[in-house]
């Protein structure tokens, strides 16, 4: 699994650009929220990368069913 990183750039005009790497799905949003709190700032523009739409490795989407006849019910 790739290393999780948050790359932050503070530009000359004072704006901040941040991008996450090594994260999939909405996990990246938690890191942005922490950054907003640290800087006492608010996101004004945001875009999702391809990684946002990918599932995390090891994510369990299985469905468990039971056979009620086998359980004697």
Protein backbone atom coordinates (compact mmCIF):
# COMPACT_ATOMS: atom_id res chain seq x y z
CA UNK A 1 0.00 0.00 0.00
CA UNK A 2 1.26 3.49 -0.84
CA UNK A 3 2.38 5.86 1.87
CA UNK A 4 -0.33 8.33 2.91
CA UNK A 5 0.73 11.93 2.35
CA UNK A 6 -0.79 15.37 2.52
CA UNK A 7 1.20 17.87 0.44
CA UNK A 8 0.57 21.50 1.38
CA UNK A 9 1.70 24.55 -0.58
CA UNK A 10 1.41 28.06 0.84
CA UNK A 11 1.50 30.43 -2.10
CA UNK A 12 2.90 33.97 -2.21
CA UNK A 13 -0.62 35.44 -2.15
CA UNK A 14 -1.39 33.54 1.09
CA UNK A 15 -3.63 30.92 -0.46
CA UNK A 16 -3.07 27.30 0.49
CA UNK A 17 -3.17 24.36 -1.90
CA UNK A 18 -3.35 20.84 -0.47
CA UNK A 19 -3.42 17.46 -2.16
CA UNK A 20 -3.59 13.99 -0.67
CA UNK A 21 -1.76 10.93 -1.97
CA UNK A 22 -1.99 7.24 -1.09
CA UNK A 23 -5.61 7.46 0.07
CA UNK A 24 -8.72 6.12 -1.56
CA UNK A 25 -12.34 7.04 -1.10
CA UNK A 26 -13.49 9.67 1.38
CA UNK A 27 -10.53 9.08 3.74
CA UNK A 28 -8.80 12.12 2.22
CA UNK A 29 -11.56 14.41 3.45
CA UNK A 30 -10.57 13.72 7.07
CA UNK A 31 -7.08 15.06 6.38
CA UNK A 32 -8.42 18.19 4.72
CA UNK A 33 -10.69 18.82 7.72
CA UNK A 34 -7.68 18.61 10.06
CA UNK A 35 -5.78 21.05 7.86
CA UNK A 36 -8.73 23.48 7.89
CA UNK A 37 -8.82 23.34 11.69
CA UNK A 38 -5.07 23.86 12.04
CA UNK A 39 -5.09 26.87 9.72
CA UNK A 40 -8.46 28.19 10.89
CA UNK A 41 -9.36 28.22 7.21
CA UNK A 42 -12.15 27.05 4.95
CA UNK A 43 -11.96 25.16 1.67
CA UNK A 44 -13.07 27.41 -1.18
CA UNK A 45 -12.41 25.04 -4.08
CA UNK A 46 -12.16 21.27 -4.17
CA UNK A 47 -11.90 18.48 -6.74
CA UNK A 48 -11.79 14.71 -6.38
CA UNK A 49 -9.07 12.67 -8.07
CA UNK A 50 -9.42 9.16 -9.48
CA UNK A 51 -8.27 7.79 -6.12
CA UNK A 52 -11.39 9.18 -4.45
CA UNK A 53 -13.56 6.92 -6.59
CA UNK A 54 -11.49 3.77 -5.96
CA UNK A 55 -12.30 1.35 -3.18
CA UNK A 56 -9.78 0.77 -0.42
CA UNK A 57 -7.88 -2.49 -0.64
CA UNK A 58 -9.31 -4.98 1.80
CA UNK A 59 -12.69 -3.32 1.98
CA UNK A 60 -15.29 -5.92 2.87
CA UNK A 61 -18.45 -5.61 0.81
CA UNK A 62 -19.64 -9.15 1.50
CA UNK A 63 -23.23 -10.01 2.27
CA UNK A 64 -23.92 -12.61 4.94
CA UNK A 65 -27.02 -14.73 4.59
CA UNK A 66 -28.23 -17.55 6.77
CA UNK A 67 -30.14 -20.67 5.90
CA UNK A 68 -32.99 -20.68 8.42
CA UNK A 69 -33.85 -24.33 7.58
CA UNK A 70 -30.32 -25.41 8.45
CA UNK A 71 -30.60 -23.59 11.78
CA UNK A 72 -33.82 -25.45 12.66
CA UNK A 73 -36.06 -22.39 12.46
